[in-house]
N, C-alpha and C. Protein backbone atom coordinates (compact mmCIF):
# COMPACT_ATOMS: atom_id res chain seq x y z
N MET A 1 -12.00 -8.36 7.45
CA MET A 1 -10.90 -9.04 6.78
C MET A 1 -9.58 -8.54 7.36
N ASN A 2 -8.67 -9.43 7.62
CA ASN A 2 -7.36 -9.10 8.15
C ASN A 2 -6.59 -8.24 7.14
N GLN A 3 -5.84 -7.21 7.64
CA GLN A 3 -5.09 -6.32 6.75
C GLN A 3 -4.14 -7.11 5.85
N GLN A 4 -3.54 -8.19 6.38
CA GLN A 4 -2.56 -8.95 5.62
C GLN A 4 -3.21 -9.77 4.52
N ASN A 5 -4.50 -10.01 4.59
CA ASN A 5 -5.18 -10.81 3.57
C ASN A 5 -5.82 -9.94 2.49
N LYS A 6 -5.78 -8.63 2.64
CA LYS A 6 -6.38 -7.74 1.66
C LYS A 6 -5.44 -7.52 0.49
N THR A 7 -6.04 -7.34 -0.68
CA THR A 7 -5.23 -6.97 -1.84
C THR A 7 -4.84 -5.49 -1.71
N PHE A 8 -3.90 -5.08 -2.52
CA PHE A 8 -3.48 -3.68 -2.53
C PHE A 8 -4.68 -2.78 -2.81
N GLU A 9 -5.47 -3.17 -3.80
CA GLU A 9 -6.62 -2.35 -4.19
C GLU A 9 -7.66 -2.26 -3.09
N GLU A 10 -7.91 -3.37 -2.40
CA GLU A 10 -8.85 -3.35 -1.28
C GLU A 10 -8.36 -2.45 -0.16
N SER A 11 -7.07 -2.53 0.12
CA SER A 11 -6.48 -1.70 1.17
C SER A 11 -6.56 -0.23 0.81
N MET A 12 -6.27 0.10 -0.43
CA MET A 12 -6.33 1.50 -0.86
C MET A 12 -7.76 2.02 -0.81
N SER A 13 -8.71 1.19 -1.21
CA SER A 13 -10.11 1.59 -1.17
C SER A 13 -10.55 1.88 0.27
N ARG A 14 -10.18 1.01 1.18
CA ARG A 14 -10.53 1.21 2.60
C ARG A 14 -9.83 2.46 3.13
N LEU A 15 -8.59 2.66 2.76
CA LEU A 15 -7.86 3.85 3.20
C LEU A 15 -8.55 5.12 2.71
N GLU A 16 -9.04 5.11 1.48
CA GLU A 16 -9.78 6.27 0.95
C GLU A 16 -11.06 6.51 1.74
N GLN A 17 -11.75 5.44 2.13
CA GLN A 17 -12.96 5.57 2.94
C GLN A 17 -12.63 6.22 4.29
N ILE A 18 -11.55 5.77 4.90
CA ILE A 18 -11.13 6.32 6.19
C ILE A 18 -10.82 7.80 6.07
N VAL A 19 -10.07 8.16 5.03
CA VAL A 19 -9.71 9.58 4.84
C VAL A 19 -10.96 10.43 4.65
N ARG A 20 -11.90 9.96 3.82
CA ARG A 20 -13.14 10.72 3.61
C ARG A 20 -13.90 10.91 4.91
N ALA A 21 -14.01 9.84 5.70
CA ALA A 21 -14.75 9.92 6.97
C ALA A 21 -14.08 10.91 7.91
N MET A 22 -12.77 10.88 7.98
CA MET A 22 -12.07 11.78 8.90
C MET A 22 -12.08 13.22 8.41
N GLU A 23 -12.05 13.42 7.10
CA GLU A 23 -12.10 14.77 6.54
C GLU A 23 -13.44 15.45 6.81
N GLN A 24 -14.51 14.67 6.92
CA GLN A 24 -15.82 15.25 7.19
C GLN A 24 -15.87 15.89 8.56
N GLY A 25 -15.04 15.40 9.48
CA GLY A 25 -14.94 16.01 10.79
C GLY A 25 -16.08 15.71 11.75
N ASN A 26 -16.95 14.78 11.42
CA ASN A 26 -18.07 14.50 12.30
C ASN A 26 -17.96 13.12 12.97
N VAL A 27 -16.75 12.56 12.97
CA VAL A 27 -16.51 11.27 13.60
C VAL A 27 -16.05 11.53 15.04
N PRO A 28 -16.65 10.87 16.03
CA PRO A 28 -16.23 11.06 17.42
C PRO A 28 -14.74 10.75 17.60
N LEU A 29 -14.15 11.36 18.61
CA LEU A 29 -12.71 11.23 18.85
C LEU A 29 -12.27 9.78 18.96
N GLU A 30 -12.98 8.98 19.74
CA GLU A 30 -12.59 7.58 19.93
C GLU A 30 -12.60 6.82 18.60
N GLU A 31 -13.63 7.06 17.80
CA GLU A 31 -13.71 6.41 16.49
C GLU A 31 -12.62 6.94 15.56
N SER A 32 -12.32 8.23 15.64
CA SER A 32 -11.24 8.80 14.83
C SER A 32 -9.91 8.14 15.14
N LEU A 33 -9.66 7.88 16.41
CA LEU A 33 -8.41 7.22 16.80
C LEU A 33 -8.35 5.80 16.24
N LYS A 34 -9.47 5.09 16.27
CA LYS A 34 -9.52 3.73 15.71
C LYS A 34 -9.29 3.78 14.20
N LEU A 35 -9.92 4.74 13.53
CA LEU A 35 -9.75 4.88 12.09
C LEU A 35 -8.31 5.24 11.74
N PHE A 36 -7.72 6.13 12.55
CA PHE A 36 -6.33 6.52 12.32
C PHE A 36 -5.41 5.32 12.45
N GLN A 37 -5.63 4.52 13.48
CA GLN A 37 -4.81 3.32 13.68
C GLN A 37 -4.98 2.35 12.51
N GLU A 38 -6.21 2.13 12.10
CA GLU A 38 -6.46 1.24 10.95
C GLU A 38 -5.77 1.79 9.70
N GLY A 39 -5.87 3.10 9.52
CA GLY A 39 -5.25 3.73 8.35
C GLY A 39 -3.73 3.57 8.34
N THR A 40 -3.09 3.74 9.48
CA THR A 40 -1.63 3.58 9.52
C THR A 40 -1.24 2.13 9.25
N GLU A 41 -2.04 1.18 9.71
CA GLU A 41 -1.78 -0.23 9.41
C GLU A 41 -1.94 -0.50 7.92
N LEU A 42 -2.94 0.11 7.31
CA LEU A 42 -3.15 -0.05 5.88
C LEU A 42 -1.99 0.55 5.08
N VAL A 43 -1.50 1.70 5.51
CA VAL A 43 -0.36 2.34 4.82
C VAL A 43 0.86 1.42 4.88
N ARG A 44 1.12 0.85 6.06
CA ARG A 44 2.25 -0.07 6.19
C ARG A 44 2.07 -1.29 5.29
N SER A 45 0.87 -1.83 5.28
CA SER A 45 0.57 -3.00 4.46
C SER A 45 0.76 -2.69 2.98
N CYS A 46 0.26 -1.55 2.54
CA CYS A 46 0.41 -1.16 1.13
C CYS A 46 1.88 -0.95 0.78
N GLY A 47 2.62 -0.34 1.69
CA GLY A 47 4.05 -0.14 1.46
C GLY A 47 4.78 -1.46 1.29
N LYS A 48 4.43 -2.43 2.13
CA LYS A 48 5.04 -3.75 2.04
C LYS A 48 4.70 -4.42 0.71
N LEU A 49 3.43 -4.32 0.30
CA LEU A 49 3.02 -4.91 -0.97
C LEU A 49 3.74 -4.26 -2.15
N LEU A 50 3.93 -2.94 -2.09
CA LEU A 50 4.65 -2.25 -3.16
C LEU A 50 6.12 -2.66 -3.19
N ASP A 51 6.73 -2.81 -2.01
CA ASP A 51 8.13 -3.25 -1.95
C ASP A 51 8.28 -4.64 -2.56
N GLU A 52 7.33 -5.53 -2.24
CA GLU A 52 7.37 -6.89 -2.79
C GLU A 52 7.18 -6.87 -4.30
N ALA A 53 6.30 -6.02 -4.79
CA ALA A 53 6.08 -5.91 -6.23
C ALA A 53 7.34 -5.39 -6.92
N GLN A 54 8.01 -4.45 -6.30
CA GLN A 54 9.24 -3.90 -6.85
C GLN A 54 10.31 -4.99 -6.97
N LEU A 55 10.41 -5.85 -5.98
CA LEU A 55 11.37 -6.95 -6.04
C LEU A 55 11.01 -7.92 -7.16
N GLN A 56 9.75 -8.20 -7.34
CA GLN A 56 9.31 -9.09 -8.41
C GLN A 56 9.67 -8.50 -9.79
N ILE A 57 9.48 -7.20 -9.93
CA ILE A 57 9.80 -6.54 -11.21
C ILE A 57 11.29 -6.65 -11.48
N ARG A 58 12.10 -6.44 -10.48
CA ARG A 58 13.55 -6.56 -10.65
C ARG A 58 13.94 -7.97 -11.08
N LYS A 59 13.24 -8.97 -10.56
CA LYS A 59 13.56 -10.36 -10.88
C LYS A 59 13.26 -10.68 -12.34
N VAL A 60 12.25 -10.07 -12.90
CA VAL A 60 11.84 -10.43 -14.26
C VAL A 60 12.40 -9.54 -15.35
N MET A 61 13.12 -8.51 -14.99
CA MET A 61 13.70 -7.62 -16.00
C MET A 61 14.82 -8.36 -16.73
N THR A 62 14.85 -8.21 -18.04
CA THR A 62 15.87 -8.88 -18.83
C THR A 62 16.49 -7.93 -19.84
N ALA A 63 17.71 -8.28 -20.28
CA ALA A 63 18.40 -7.50 -21.30
C ALA A 63 17.88 -7.91 -22.67
N ALA A 64 18.33 -7.21 -23.71
CA ALA A 64 17.89 -7.50 -25.07
C ALA A 64 18.22 -8.93 -25.49
N ASP A 65 19.33 -9.48 -24.98
CA ASP A 65 19.72 -10.85 -25.34
C ASP A 65 19.04 -11.91 -24.48
N GLY A 66 18.14 -11.48 -23.58
CA GLY A 66 17.41 -12.41 -22.73
C GLY A 66 18.05 -12.67 -21.38
N SER A 67 19.25 -12.15 -21.19
CA SER A 67 19.90 -12.35 -19.90
C SER A 67 19.29 -11.40 -18.87
N PRO A 68 19.24 -11.84 -17.64
CA PRO A 68 18.64 -10.97 -16.62
C PRO A 68 19.49 -9.72 -16.35
N VAL A 69 18.79 -8.64 -16.10
CA VAL A 69 19.44 -7.37 -15.81
C VAL A 69 18.82 -6.81 -14.54
N MET A 70 19.65 -6.38 -13.63
CA MET A 70 19.16 -5.76 -12.40
C MET A 70 19.33 -4.25 -12.55
N GLU A 71 18.21 -3.55 -12.60
CA GLU A 71 18.24 -2.09 -12.71
C GLU A 71 17.50 -1.52 -11.52
N GLY A 72 18.01 -0.43 -11.02
CA GLY A 72 17.34 0.24 -9.91
C GLY A 72 16.18 1.08 -10.40
N PHE A 73 15.29 1.39 -9.47
CA PHE A 73 14.18 2.28 -9.77
C PHE A 73 14.59 3.69 -9.42
N GLU A 74 14.17 4.64 -10.24
CA GLU A 74 14.46 6.03 -9.94
C GLU A 74 13.37 6.56 -9.02
N ASP A 75 13.79 7.22 -7.96
CA ASP A 75 12.82 7.85 -7.07
C ASP A 75 12.32 9.13 -7.70
N GLU A 76 11.06 9.39 -7.48
CA GLU A 76 10.48 10.61 -8.03
C GLU A 76 10.83 11.79 -7.17
């Protein structure tokens, strides 16, 4: 499945699989490089999906009187 067609949850699940495989240390170097590349693409994809979700949340936030309110997110 193309990275762009995966849901956030699917991407995170695959990313967890990649991390587990690489942490075991028994993956050949060439395969590790492929997994690393796939993992970085998944991280970018997840970041983009989170950014888009953040924009959607800002769009739907409203004040007590029902008027829209734009509030920033606090960074942790």
